PDB file of N, CA and C in Angstrom:
ATOM      1  N   MET A   1      16.819 -31.827  -3.058  1.00  0.00           N
ATOM      2  CA  MET A   1      16.484 -30.415  -3.049  1.00  0.00           C
ATOM      3  C   MET A   1      16.102 -29.953  -1.636  1.00  0.00           C
ATOM      4  N   ALA A   2      15.277 -30.749  -0.936  1.00  0.00           N
ATOM      5  CA  ALA A   2      14.864 -30.358   0.414  1.00  0.00           C
ATOM      6  C   ALA A   2      16.070 -30.286   1.340  1.00  0.00           C
ATOM      7  N   LYS A   3      17.015 -31.224   1.177  1.00  0.00           N
ATOM      8  CA  LYS A   3      18.211 -31.221   2.013  1.00  0.00           C
ATOM      9  C   LYS A   3      19.000 -29.931   1.810  1.00  0.00           C
ATOM     10  N   HIS A   4      19.110 -29.502   0.570  1.00  0.00           N
ATOM     11  CA  HIS A   4      19.823 -28.255   0.266  1.00  0.00           C
ATOM     12  C   HIS A   4      19.125 -27.061   0.923  1.00  0.00           C
ATOM     13  N   LEU A   5      17.802 -27.038   0.890  1.00  0.00           N
ATOM     14  CA  LEU A   5      17.059 -25.936   1.497  1.00  0.00           C
ATOM     15  C   LEU A   5      17.253 -25.905   3.008  1.00  0.00           C
ATOM     16  N   VAL A   6      17.266 -27.075   3.639  1.00  0.00           N
ATOM     17  CA  VAL A   6      17.485 -27.142   5.085  1.00  0.00           C
ATOM     18  C   VAL A   6      18.887 -26.633   5.418  1.00  0.00           C
ATOM     19  N   GLU A   7      19.881 -27.065   4.645  1.00  0.00           N
ATOM     20  CA  GLU A   7      21.252 -26.606   4.876  1.00  0.00           C
ATOM     21  C   GLU A   7      21.362 -25.093   4.684  1.00  0.00           C
ATOM     22  N   GLN A   8      20.708 -24.584   3.663  1.00  0.00           N
ATOM     23  CA  GLN A   8      20.731 -23.136   3.407  1.00  0.00           C
ATOM     24  C   GLN A   8      20.071 -22.373   4.548  1.00  0.00           C
ATOM     25  N   LEU A   9      18.904 -22.834   4.990  1.00  0.00           N
ATOM     26  CA  LEU A   9      18.198 -22.169   6.079  1.00  0.00           C
ATOM     27  C   LEU A   9      18.997 -22.243   7.368  1.00  0.00           C
ATOM     28  N   THR A  10      19.604 -23.395   7.633  1.00  0.00           N
ATOM     29  CA  THR A  10      20.416 -23.560   8.839  1.00  0.00           C
ATOM     30  C   THR A  10      21.581 -22.583   8.841  1.00  0.00           C
ATOM     31  N   GLY A  11      22.222 -22.412   7.698  1.00  0.00           N
ATOM     32  CA  GLY A  11      23.314 -21.447   7.582  1.00  0.00           C
ATOM     33  C   GLY A  11      22.842 -20.018   7.790  1.00  0.00           C
ATOM     34  N   GLN A  12      21.672 -19.694   7.240  1.00  0.00           N
ATOM     35  CA  GLN A  12      21.119 -18.342   7.401  1.00  0.00           C
ATOM     36  C   GLN A  12      20.755 -18.069   8.850  1.00  0.00           C
ATOM     37  N   ILE A  13      20.197 -19.056   9.522  1.00  0.00           N
ATOM     38  CA  ILE A  13      19.862 -18.886  10.943  1.00  0.00           C
ATOM     39  C   ILE A  13      21.142 -18.627  11.735  1.00  0.00           C
ATOM     40  N   GLY A  14      22.172 -19.390  11.447  1.00  0.00           N
ATOM     41  CA  GLY A  14      23.453 -19.192  12.123  1.00  0.00           C
ATOM     42  C   GLY A  14      24.007 -17.795  11.901  1.00  0.00           C
ATOM     43  N   ASP A  15      23.926 -17.323  10.663  1.00  0.00           N
ATOM     44  CA  ASP A  15      24.403 -15.967  10.353  1.00  0.00           C
ATOM     45  C   ASP A  15      23.607 -14.908  11.117  1.00  0.00           C
ATOM     46  N   ARG A  16      22.308 -15.101  11.189  1.00  0.00           N
ATOM     47  CA  ARG A  16      21.460 -14.127  11.896  1.00  0.00           C
ATOM     48  C   ARG A  16      21.722 -14.160  13.401  1.00  0.00           C
ATOM     49  N   LEU A  17      21.941 -15.363  13.937  1.00  0.00           N
ATOM     50  CA  LEU A  17      22.276 -15.477  15.358  1.00  0.00           C
ATOM     51  C   LEU A  17      23.589 -14.756  15.666  1.00  0.00           C
ATOM     52  N   ARG A  18      24.588 -14.985  14.816  1.00  0.00           N
ATOM     53  CA  ARG A  18      25.894 -14.362  15.019  1.00  0.00           C
ATOM     54  C   ARG A  18      25.786 -12.836  14.968  1.00  0.00           C
ATOM     55  N   ALA A  19      25.029 -12.340  13.996  1.00  0.00           N
ATOM     56  CA  ALA A  19      24.862 -10.890  13.859  1.00  0.00           C
ATOM     57  C   ALA A  19      24.151 -10.299  15.079  1.00  0.00           C
ATOM     58  N   ARG A  20      23.105 -10.967  15.549  1.00  0.00           N
ATOM     59  CA  ARG A  20      22.366 -10.464  16.703  1.00  0.00           C
ATOM     60  C   ARG A  20      23.233 -10.515  17.969  1.00  0.00           C
ATOM     61  N   ARG A  21      23.987 -11.614  18.112  1.00  0.00           N
ATOM     62  CA  ARG A  21      24.869 -11.758  19.269  1.00  0.00           C
ATOM     63  C   ARG A  21      25.907 -10.642  19.275  1.00  0.00           C
ATOM     64  N   ALA A  22      26.468 -10.351  18.106  1.00  0.00           N
ATOM     65  CA  ALA A  22      27.470  -9.285  17.999  1.00  0.00           C
ATOM     66  C   ALA A  22      26.841  -7.929  18.307  1.00  0.00           C
ATOM     67  N   ALA A  23      25.629  -7.714  17.809  1.00  0.00           N
ATOM     68  CA  ALA A  23      24.943  -6.431  18.052  1.00  0.00           C
ATOM     69  C   ALA A  23      24.681  -6.224  19.538  1.00  0.00           C
ATOM     70  N   LEU A  24      24.407  -7.303  20.249  1.00  0.00           N
ATOM     71  CA  LEU A  24      24.149  -7.225  21.689  1.00  0.00           C
ATOM     72  C   LEU A  24      25.430  -7.338  22.515  1.00  0.00           C
ATOM     73  N   GLU A  25      26.548  -7.541  21.817  1.00  0.00           N
ATOM     74  CA  GLU A  25      27.856  -7.684  22.457  1.00  0.00           C
ATOM     75  C   GLU A  25      27.857  -8.799  23.501  1.00  0.00           C
ATOM     76  N   LEU A  26      27.328  -9.955  23.086  1.00  0.00           N
ATOM     77  CA  LEU A  26      27.273 -11.127  23.957  1.00  0.00           C
ATOM     78  C   LEU A  26      28.246 -12.191  23.456  1.00  0.00           C
ATOM     79  N   SER A  27      28.729 -12.998  24.360  1.00  0.00           N
ATOM     80  CA  SER A  27      29.564 -14.138  23.991  1.00  0.00           C
ATOM     81  C   SER A  27      28.654 -15.313  23.632  1.00  0.00           C
ATOM     82  N   GLN A  28      29.232 -16.322  22.997  1.00  0.00           N
ATOM     83  CA  GLN A  28      28.459 -17.525  22.715  1.00  0.00           C
ATOM     84  C   GLN A  28      27.978 -18.167  24.016  1.00  0.00           C
ATOM     85  N   ALA A  29      28.813 -18.145  25.037  1.00  0.00           N
ATOM     86  CA  ALA A  29      28.426 -18.732  26.330  1.00  0.00           C
ATOM     87  C   ALA A  29      27.232 -17.999  26.930  1.00  0.00           C
ATOM     88  N   GLN A  30      27.195 -16.681  26.793  1.00  0.00           N
ATOM     89  CA  GLN A  30      26.076 -15.911  27.339  1.00  0.00           C
ATOM     90  C   GLN A  30      24.780 -16.232  26.600  1.00  0.00           C
ATOM     91  N   VAL A  31      24.852 -16.336  25.274  1.00  0.00           N
ATOM     92  CA  VAL A  31      23.650 -16.672  24.498  1.00  0.00           C
ATOM     93  C   VAL A  31      23.194 -18.089  24.836  1.00  0.00           C
ATOM     94  N   ALA A  32      24.144 -19.001  24.949  1.00  0.00           N
ATOM     95  CA  ALA A  32      23.804 -20.379  25.296  1.00  0.00           C
ATOM     96  C   ALA A  32      23.073 -20.430  26.636  1.00  0.00           C
ATOM     97  N   GLU A  33      23.555 -19.663  27.589  1.00  0.00           N
ATOM     98  CA  GLU A  33      22.910 -19.627  28.903  1.00  0.00           C
ATOM     99  C   GLU A  33      21.494 -19.067  28.801  1.00  0.00           C
ATOM    100  N   LEU A  34      21.311 -18.012  27.999  1.00  0.00           N
ATOM    101  CA  LEU A  34      19.974 -17.434  27.812  1.00  0.00           C
ATOM    102  C   LEU A  34      19.001 -18.453  27.211  1.00  0.00           C
ATOM    103  N   ALA A  35      19.528 -19.319  26.358  1.00  0.00           N
ATOM    104  CA  ALA A  35      18.680 -20.305  25.670  1.00  0.00           C
ATOM    105  C   ALA A  35      18.685 -21.661  26.358  1.00  0.00           C
ATOM    106  N   THR A  36      19.271 -21.732  27.531  1.00  0.00           N
ATOM    107  CA  THR A  36      19.391 -22.976  28.310  1.00  0.00           C
ATOM    108  C   THR A  36      19.923 -24.137  27.469  1.00  0.00           C
ATOM    109  N   MET A  37      21.083 -23.880  26.863  1.00  0.00           N
ATOM    110  CA  MET A  37      21.760 -24.913  26.093  1.00  0.00           C
ATOM    111  C   MET A  37      23.259 -24.811  26.361  1.00  0.00           C
ATOM    112  N   THR A  38      23.999 -25.812  25.973  1.00  0.00           N
ATOM    113  CA  THR A  38      25.438 -25.755  26.190  1.00  0.00           C
ATOM    114  C   THR A  38      26.076 -24.798  25.186  1.00  0.00           C
ATOM    115  N   THR A  39      27.228 -24.296  25.544  1.00  0.00           N
ATOM    116  CA  THR A  39      27.962 -23.409  24.629  1.00  0.00           C
ATOM    117  C   THR A  39      28.319 -24.162  23.357  1.00  0.00           C
ATOM    118  N   GLU A  40      28.702 -25.414  23.493  1.00  0.00           N
ATOM    119  CA  GLU A  40      29.051 -26.226  22.313  1.00  0.00           C
ATOM    120  C   GLU A  40      27.854 -26.381  21.373  1.00  0.00           C
ATOM    121  N   ALA A  41      26.685 -26.661  21.939  1.00  0.00           N
ATOM    122  CA  ALA A  41      25.477 -26.814  21.115  1.00  0.00           C
ATOM    123  C   ALA A  41      25.143 -25.497  20.413  1.00  0.00           C
ATOM    124  N   TYR A  42      25.247 -24.381  21.151  1.00  0.00           N
ATOM    125  CA  TYR A  42      24.970 -23.084  20.526  1.00  0.00           C
ATOM    126  C   TYR A  42      25.964 -22.806  19.407  1.00  0.00           C
ATOM    127  N   SER A  43      27.222 -23.104  19.643  1.00  0.00           N
ATOM    128  CA  SER A  43      28.255 -22.873  18.636  1.00  0.00           C
ATOM    129  C   SER A  43      27.943 -23.637  17.350  1.00  0.00           C
ATOM    130  N   ARG A  44      27.485 -24.882  17.488  1.00  0.00           N
ATOM    131  CA  ARG A  44      27.137 -25.682  16.301  1.00  0.00           C
ATOM    132  C   ARG A  44      25.976 -25.059  15.535  1.00  0.00           C
ATOM    133  N   VAL A  45      24.992 -24.529  16.266  1.00  0.00           N
ATOM    134  CA  VAL A  45      23.861 -23.882  15.605  1.00  0.00           C
ATOM    135  C   VAL A  45      24.332 -22.608  14.898  1.00  0.00           C
ATOM    136  N   GLU A  46      25.137 -21.817  15.576  1.00  0.00           N
ATOM    137  CA  GLU A  46      25.604 -20.558  14.987  1.00  0.00           C
ATOM    138  C   GLU A  46      26.476 -20.804  13.749  1.00  0.00           C
ATOM    139  N   ARG A  47      27.239 -21.885  13.745  1.00  0.00           N
ATOM    140  CA  ARG A  47      28.082 -22.215  12.593  1.00  0.00           C
ATOM    141  C   ARG A  47      27.303 -22.896  11.471  1.00  0.00           C
ATOM    142  N   GLY A  48      26.032 -23.197  11.718  1.00  0.00           N
ATOM    143  CA  GLY A  48      25.217 -23.846  10.693  1.00  0.00           C
ATOM    144  C   GLY A  48      25.487 -25.332  10.571  1.00  0.00           C
ATOM    145  N   VAL A  49      26.135 -25.907  11.571  1.00  0.00           N
ATOM    146  CA  VAL A  49      26.475 -27.331  11.561  1.00  0.00           C
ATOM    147  C   VAL A  49      25.327 -28.164  12.101  1.00  0.00           C
ATOM    148  N   SER A  50      24.537 -27.588  12.989  1.00  0.00           N
ATOM    149  CA  SER A  50      23.450 -28.302  13.651  1.00  0.00           C
ATOM    150  C   SER A  50      22.123 -27.609  13.360  1.00  0.00           C
ATOM    151  N   VAL A  51      21.098 -28.414  13.104  1.00  0.00           N
ATOM    152  CA  VAL A  51      19.757 -27.883  12.867  1.00  0.00           C
ATOM    153  C   VAL A  51      19.058 -27.748  14.219  1.00  0.00           C
ATOM    154  N   PRO A  52      18.707 -26.534  14.617  1.00  0.00           N
ATOM    155  CA  PRO A  52      18.054 -26.361  15.919  1.00  0.00           C
ATOM    156  C   PRO A  52      16.607 -26.852  15.881  1.00  0.00           C
ATOM    157  N   THR A  53      16.153 -27.355  17.018  1.00  0.00           N
ATOM    158  CA  THR A  53      14.751 -27.761  17.124  1.00  0.00           C
ATOM    159  C   THR A  53      13.884 -26.508  17.223  1.00  0.00           C
ATOM    160  N   VAL A  54      12.602 -26.695  17.092  1.00  0.00           N
ATOM    161  CA  VAL A  54      11.667 -25.573  17.239  1.00  0.00           C
ATOM    162  C   VAL A  54      11.776 -24.989  18.641  1.00  0.00           C
ATOM    163  N   ALA A  55      11.854 -25.860  19.636  1.00  0.00           N
ATOM    164  CA  ALA A  55      11.962 -25.394  21.020  1.00  0.00           C
ATOM    165  C   ALA A  55      13.237 -24.574  21.215  1.00  0.00           C
ATOM    166  N   THR A  56      14.342 -25.038  20.635  1.00  0.00           N
ATOM    167  CA  THR A  56      15.604 -24.297  20.739  1.00  0.00           C
ATOM    168  C   THR A  56      15.504 -22.953  20.042  1.00  0.00           C
ATOM    169  N   LEU A  57      14.906 -22.946  18.855  1.00  0.00           N
ATOM    170  CA  LEU A  57      14.732 -21.672  18.131  1.00  0.00           C
ATOM    171  C   LEU A  57      13.923 -20.678  18.963  1.00  0.00           C
ATOM    172  N   LEU A  58      12.870 -21.162  19.579  1.00  0.00           N
ATOM    173  CA  LEU A  58      12.037 -20.270  20.387  1.00  0.00           C
ATOM    174  C   LEU A  58      12.796 -19.738  21.601  1.00  0.00           C
ATOM    175  N   ARG A  59      13.580 -20.607  22.244  1.00  0.00           N
ATOM    176  CA  ARG A  59      14.373 -20.147  23.387  1.00  0.00           C
ATOM    177  C   ARG A  59      15.422 -19.124  22.944  1.00  0.00           C
ATOM    178  N   LEU A  60      16.034 -19.333  21.779  1.00  0.00           N
ATOM    179  CA  LEU A  60      17.008 -18.372  21.265  1.00  0.00           C
ATOM    180  C   LEU A  60      16.335 -17.029  20.957  1.00  0.00           C
ATOM    181  N   CYS A  61      15.164 -17.096  20.362  1.00  0.00           N
ATOM    182  CA  CYS A  61      14.432 -15.862  20.052  1.00  0.00           C
ATOM    183  C   CYS A  61      14.077 -15.098  21.322  1.00  0.00           C
ATOM    184  N   LEU A  62      13.615 -15.819  22.321  1.00  0.00           N
ATOM    185  CA  LEU A  62      13.273 -15.169  23.583  1.00  0.00           C
ATOM    186  C   LEU A  62      14.514 -14.567  24.232  1.00  0.00           C
ATOM    187  N   GLY A  63      15.597 -15.315  24.249  1.00  0.00           N
ATOM    188  CA  GLY A  63      16.823 -14.841  24.876  1.00  0.00           C
ATOM    189  C   GLY A  63      17.447 -13.658  24.170  1.00  0.00           C
ATOM    190  N   LEU A  64      17.352 -13.655  22.841  1.00  0.00           N
ATOM    191  CA  LEU A  64      17.948 -12.571  22.044  1.00  0.00           C
ATOM    192  C   LEU A  64      16.945 -11.472  21.706  1.00  0.00           C
ATOM    193  N   GLN A  65      15.736 -11.620  22.219  1.00  0.00           N
ATOM    194  CA  GLN A  65      14.675 -10.644  21.994  1.00  0.00           C
ATOM    195  C   GLN A  65      14.462 -10.391  20.495  1.00  0.00           C
ATOM    196  N   LEU A  66      14.271 -11.493  19.792  1.00  0.00           N
ATOM    197  CA  LEU A  66      14.036 -11.462  18.347  1.00  0.00           C
ATOM    198  C   LEU A  66      12.715 -12.138  18.033  1.00  0.00           C
ATOM    199  N   PRO A  67      11.943 -11.596  17.111  1.00  0.00           N
ATOM    200  CA  PRO A  67      10.766 -12.349  16.673  1.00  0.00           C
ATOM    201  C   PRO A  67      11.248 -13.546  15.841  1.00  0.00           C
ATOM    202  N   PRO A  68      10.608 -14.688  15.977  1.00  0.00           N
ATOM    203  CA  PRO A  68      11.067 -15.874  15.238  1.00  0.00           C
ATOM    204  C   PRO A  68      11.203 -15.657  13.737  1.00  0.00           C
ATOM    205  N   GLU A  69      10.306 -14.887  13.149  1.00  0.00           N
ATOM    206  CA  GLU A  69      10.385 -14.682  11.701  1.00  0.00           C
ATOM    207  C   GLU A  69      11.662 -13.939  11.302  1.00  0.00           C
ATOM    208  N   ALA A  70      12.215 -13.130  12.194  1.00  0.00           N
ATOM    209  CA  ALA A  70      13.480 -12.447  11.900  1.00  0.00           C
ATOM    210  C   ALA A  70      14.632 -13.440  11.885  1.00  0.00           C
ATOM    211  N   LEU A  71      14.587 -14.408  12.751  1.00  0.00           N
ATOM    212  CA  LEU A  71      15.643 -15.414  12.813  1.00  0.00           C
ATOM    213  C   LEU A  71      15.522 -16.403  11.655  1.00  0.00           C
ATOM    214  N   ILE A  72      14.303 -16.790  11.352  1.00  0.00           N
ATOM    215  CA  ILE A  72      14.074 -17.774  10.301  1.00  0.00           C
ATOM    216  C   ILE A  72      14.112 -17.122   8.925  1.00  0.00           C
ATOM    217  N   GLY A  73      13.757 -15.848   8.864  1.00  0.00           N
ATOM    218  CA  GLY A  73      13.815 -15.137   7.594  1.00  0.00           C
ATOM    219  C   GLY A  73      12.524 -15.135   6.814  1.00  0.00           C
ATOM    220  N   TRP A  74      11.422 -15.466   7.488  1.00  0.00           N
ATOM    221  CA  TRP A  74      10.137 -15.423   6.811  1.00  0.00           C
ATOM    222  C   TRP A  74       9.612 -14.005   6.806  1.00  0.00           C
ATOM    223  N   SER A  75       8.951 -13.673   5.730  1.00  0.00           N
ATOM    224  CA  SER A  75       8.279 -12.379   5.695  1.00  0.00           C
ATOM    225  C   SER A  75       6.843 -12.590   6.142  1.00  0.00           C
ATOM    226  N   ARG A  76       6.173 -11.518   6.441  1.00  0.00           N
ATOM    227  CA  ARG A  76       4.780 -11.624   6.855  1.00  0.00           C
ATOM    228  C   ARG A  76       3.826 -11.505   5.667  1.00  0.00           C
ATOM    229  N   SER A  77       4.347 -11.554   4.455  1.00  0.00           N
ATOM    230  CA  SER A  77       3.481 -11.451   3.291  1.00  0.00           C
ATOM    231  C   SER A  77       3.065 -12.846   2.831  1.00  0.00           C
ATOM    232  N   GLY A  78       1.940 -12.935   2.208  1.00  0.00           N
ATOM    233  CA  GLY A  78       1.454 -14.201   1.699  1.00  0.00           C
ATOM    234  C   GLY A  78       0.615 -14.935   2.734  1.00  0.00           C
ATOM    235  N   GLU A  79      -0.345 -15.703   2.231  1.00  0.00           N
ATOM    236  CA  GLU A  79      -1.285 -16.385   3.121  1.00  0.00           C
ATOM    237  C   GLU A  79      -0.589 -17.403   4.022  1.00  0.00           C
ATOM    238  N   VAL A  80       0.305 -18.230   3.464  1.00  0.00           N
ATOM    239  CA  VAL A  80       0.974 -19.248   4.269  1.00  0.00           C
ATOM    240  C   VAL A  80       1.855 -18.595   5.318  1.00  0.00           C
ATOM    241  N   ASN A  81       2.655 -17.606   4.913  1.00  0.00           N
ATOM    242  CA  ASN A  81       3.522 -16.936   5.872  1.00  0.00           C
ATOM    243  C   ASN A  81       2.714 -16.221   6.940  1.00  0.00           C
ATOM    244  N   SER A  82       1.566 -15.707   6.579  1.00  0.00           N
ATOM    245  CA  SER A  82       0.695 -15.050   7.540  1.00  0.00           C
ATOM    246  C   SER A  82       0.199 -16.056   8.582  1.00  0.00           C
ATOM    247  N   LYS A  83      -0.161 -17.244   8.127  1.00  0.00           N
ATOM    248  CA  LYS A  83      -0.618 -18.279   9.053  1.00  0.00           C
ATOM    249  C   LYS A  83       0.523 -18.731   9.963  1.00  0.00           C
ATOM    250  N   VAL A  84       1.707 -18.896   9.388  1.00  0.00           N
ATOM    251  CA  VAL A  84       2.870 -19.299  10.180  1.00  0.00           C
ATOM    252  C   VAL A  84       3.169 -18.232  11.226  1.00  0.00           C
ATOM    253  N   ALA A  85       3.139 -16.972  10.824  1.00  0.00           N
ATOM    254  CA  ALA A  85       3.400 -15.878  11.759  1.00  0.00           C
ATOM    255  C   ALA A  85       2.368 -15.882  12.891  1.00  0.00           C
ATOM    256  N   SER A  86       1.126 -16.165  12.557  1.00  0.00           N
ATOM    257  CA  SER A  86       0.076 -16.213  13.569  1.00  0.00           C
ATOM    258  C   SER A  86       0.332 -17.353  14.562  1.00  0.00           C
ATOM    259  N   ILE A  87       0.720 -18.502  14.044  1.00  0.00           N
ATOM    260  CA  ILE A  87       1.032 -19.640  14.912  1.00  0.00           C
ATOM    261  C   ILE A  87       2.200 -19.295  15.818  1.00  0.00           C
ATOM    262  N   ILE A  88       3.210 -18.676  15.266  1.00  0.00           N
ATOM    263  CA  ILE A  88       4.386 -18.305  16.049  1.00  0.00           C
ATOM    264  C   ILE A  88       4.001 -17.327  17.157  1.00  0.00           C
ATOM    265  N   GLU A  89       3.125 -16.390  16.857  1.00  0.00           N
ATOM    266  CA  GLU A  89       2.666 -15.448  17.887  1.00  0.00           C
ATOM    267  C   GLU A  89       1.990 -16.198  19.036  1.00  0.00           C
ATOM    268  N   HIS A  90       1.185 -17.200  18.697  1.00  0.00           N
ATOM    269  CA  HIS A  90       0.521 -17.994  19.735  1.00  0.00           C
ATOM    270  C   HIS A  90       1.533 -18.792  20.553  1.00  0.00           C
ATOM    271  N   LEU A  91       2.627 -19.206  19.926  1.00  0.00           N
ATOM    272  CA  LEU A  91       3.645 -19.981  20.636  1.00  0.00           C
ATOM    273  C   LEU A  91       4.311 -19.179  21.751  1.00  0.00           C
ATOM    274  N   HIS A  92       4.303 -17.874  21.632  1.00  0.00           N
ATOM    275  CA  HIS A  92       4.885 -17.035  22.688  1.00  0.00           C
ATOM    276  C   HIS A  92       4.154 -17.210  24.021  1.00  0.00           C
ATOM    277  N   HIS A  93       2.918 -17.702  23.954  1.00  0.00           N
ATOM    278  CA  HIS A  93       2.121 -17.857  25.167  1.00  0.00           C
ATOM    279  C   HIS A  93       2.108 -19.295  25.690  1.00  0.00           C
ATOM    280  N   VAL A  94       2.798 -20.182  24.998  1.00  0.00           N
ATOM    281  CA  VAL A  94       2.872 -21.581  25.421  1.00  0.00           C
ATOM    282  C   VAL A  94       3.928 -21.688  26.521  1.00  0.00           C
ATOM    283  N   PRO A  95       3.599 -22.350  27.616  1.00  0.00           N
ATOM    284  CA  PRO A  95       4.597 -22.517  28.687  1.00  0.00           C
ATOM    285  C   PRO A  95       5.824 -23.266  28.162  1.00  0.00           C
ATOM    286  N   PRO A  96       7.018 -22.883  28.606  1.00  0.00           N
ATOM    287  CA  PRO A  96       8.246 -23.517  28.109  1.00  0.00           C
ATOM    288  C   PRO A  96       8.251 -25.034  28.214  1.00  0.00           C
ATOM    289  N   ASP A  97       7.659 -25.578  29.268  1.00  0.00           N
ATOM    290  CA  ASP A  97       7.670 -27.030  29.416  1.00  0.00           C
ATOM    291  C   ASP A  97       6.735 -27.734  28.432  1.00  0.00           C
ATOM    292  N   ALA A  98       5.879 -26.989  27.749  1.00  0.00           N
ATOM    293  CA  ALA A  98       4.968 -27.583  26.768  1.00  0.00           C
ATOM    294  C   ALA A  98       5.504 -27.471  25.342  1.00  0.00           C
ATOM    295  N   LEU A  99       6.614 -26.762  25.149  1.00  0.00           N
ATOM    296  CA  LEU A  99       7.146 -26.566  23.801  1.00  0.00           C
ATOM    297  C   LEU A  99       7.585 -27.874  23.150  1.00  0.00           C
ATOM    298  N   ASP A 100       8.062 -28.823  23.936  1.00  0.00           N
ATOM    299  CA  ASP A 100       8.455 -30.110  23.366  1.00  0.00           C
ATOM    300  C   ASP A 100       7.249 -30.822  22.759  1.00  0.00           C
ATOM    301  N   VAL A 101       6.114 -30.751  23.417  1.00  0.00           N
ATOM    302  CA  VAL A 101       4.890 -31.367  22.896  1.00  0.00           C
ATOM    303  C   VAL A 101       4.472 -30.679  21.603  1.00  0.00           C
ATOM    304  N   VAL A 102       4.554 -29.357  21.578  1.00  0.00           N
ATOM    305  CA  VAL A 102       4.211 -28.600  20.367  1.00  0.00           C
ATOM    306  C   VAL A 102       5.144 -29.007  19.231  1.00  0.00           C
ATOM    307  N   GLU A 103       6.432 -29.114  19.535  1.00  0.00           N
ATOM    308  CA  GLU A 103       7.403 -29.511  18.517  1.00  0.00           C
ATOM    309  C   GLU A 103       7.077 -30.886  17.946  1.00  0.00           C
ATOM    310  N   GLN A 104       6.752 -31.839  18.813  1.00  0.00           N
ATOM    311  CA  GLN A 104       6.422 -33.186  18.363  1.00  0.00           C
ATOM    312  C   GLN A 104       5.182 -33.175  17.478  1.00  0.00           C
ATOM    313  N   LEU A 105       4.189 -32.374  17.832  1.00  0.00           N
ATOM    314  CA  LEU A 105       2.976 -32.269  17.033  1.00  0.00           C
ATOM    315  C   LEU A 105       3.282 -31.698  15.649  1.00  0.00           C
ATOM    316  N   VAL A 106       4.074 -30.651  15.601  1.00  0.00           N
ATOM    317  CA  VAL A 106       4.429 -30.036  14.320  1.00  0.00           C
ATOM    318  C   VAL A 106       5.213 -31.027  13.453  1.00  0.00           C
ATOM    319  N   MET A 107       6.133 -31.739  14.068  1.00  0.00           N
ATOM    320  CA  MET A 107       6.906 -32.735  13.317  1.00  0.00           C
ATOM    321  C   MET A 107       5.994 -33.847  12.800  1.00  0.00           C
ATOM    322  N   TYR A 108       5.046 -34.284  13.611  1.00  0.00           N
ATOM    323  CA  TYR A 108       4.103 -35.324  13.199  1.00  0.00           C
ATOM    324  C   TYR A 108       3.269 -34.832  12.013  1.00  0.00           C
ATOM    325  N   LEU A 109       2.749 -33.637  12.125  1.00  0.00           N
ATOM    326  CA  LEU A 109       1.920 -33.095  11.049  1.00  0.00           C
ATOM    327  C   LEU A 109       2.739 -32.884   9.771  1.00  0.00           C
ATOM    328  N   GLY A 110       3.988 -32.497   9.918  1.00  0.00           N
ATOM    329  CA  GLY A 110       4.859 -32.327   8.755  1.00  0.00           C
ATOM    330  C   GLY A 110       5.118 -33.631   8.030  1.00  0.00           C
ATOM    331  N   ARG A 111       5.237 -34.709   8.772  1.00  0.00           N
ATOM    332  CA  ARG A 111       5.453 -36.033   8.163  1.00  0.00           C
ATOM    333  C   ARG A 111       4.240 -36.485   7.380  1.00  0.00           C
ATOM    334  N   GLU A 112       3.067 -36.077   7.804  1.00  0.00           N
ATOM    335  CA  GLU A 112       1.834 -36.466   7.110  1.00  0.00           C
ATOM    336  C   GLU A 112       1.810 -35.917   5.682  1.00  0.00           C
ATOM    337  N   ARG A 113       2.476 -34.803   5.463  1.00  0.00           N
ATOM    338  CA  ARG A 113       2.489 -34.154   4.149  1.00  0.00           C
ATOM    339  C   ARG A 113       3.538 -34.734   3.200  1.00  0.00           C
ATOM    340  N   GLU A 114       4.551 -35.395   3.743  1.00  0.00           N
ATOM    341  CA  GLU A 114       5.664 -35.885   2.911  1.00  0.00           C
ATOM    342  C   GLU A 114       5.266 -37.076   2.082  1.00  0.00           C
TER     343      GLU A 114
END
């Protein structure tokens, strides 16, 4: 079940990226450059073939001028979503070189719950 949810979310993120890219009239190469990733890697994310890391998602959001919740599809309603939105807001102030550490911490904490 969790695998299906990840695949579904990955596909939705790709669809939202494609729509935003089209709205901004950007090529995949231009978006990839904004997010400091290869065009091939961006293409895989947009097609829903590759699961982007948290750091990649944040770079894409910054480059496309999107709030992370718009890309991920979370609403701001509910206590958990409210906390997630608050954390995401704080992440906007984390230096880019520290995002990998934040990602590792989140992944570690997520494993503790499984």
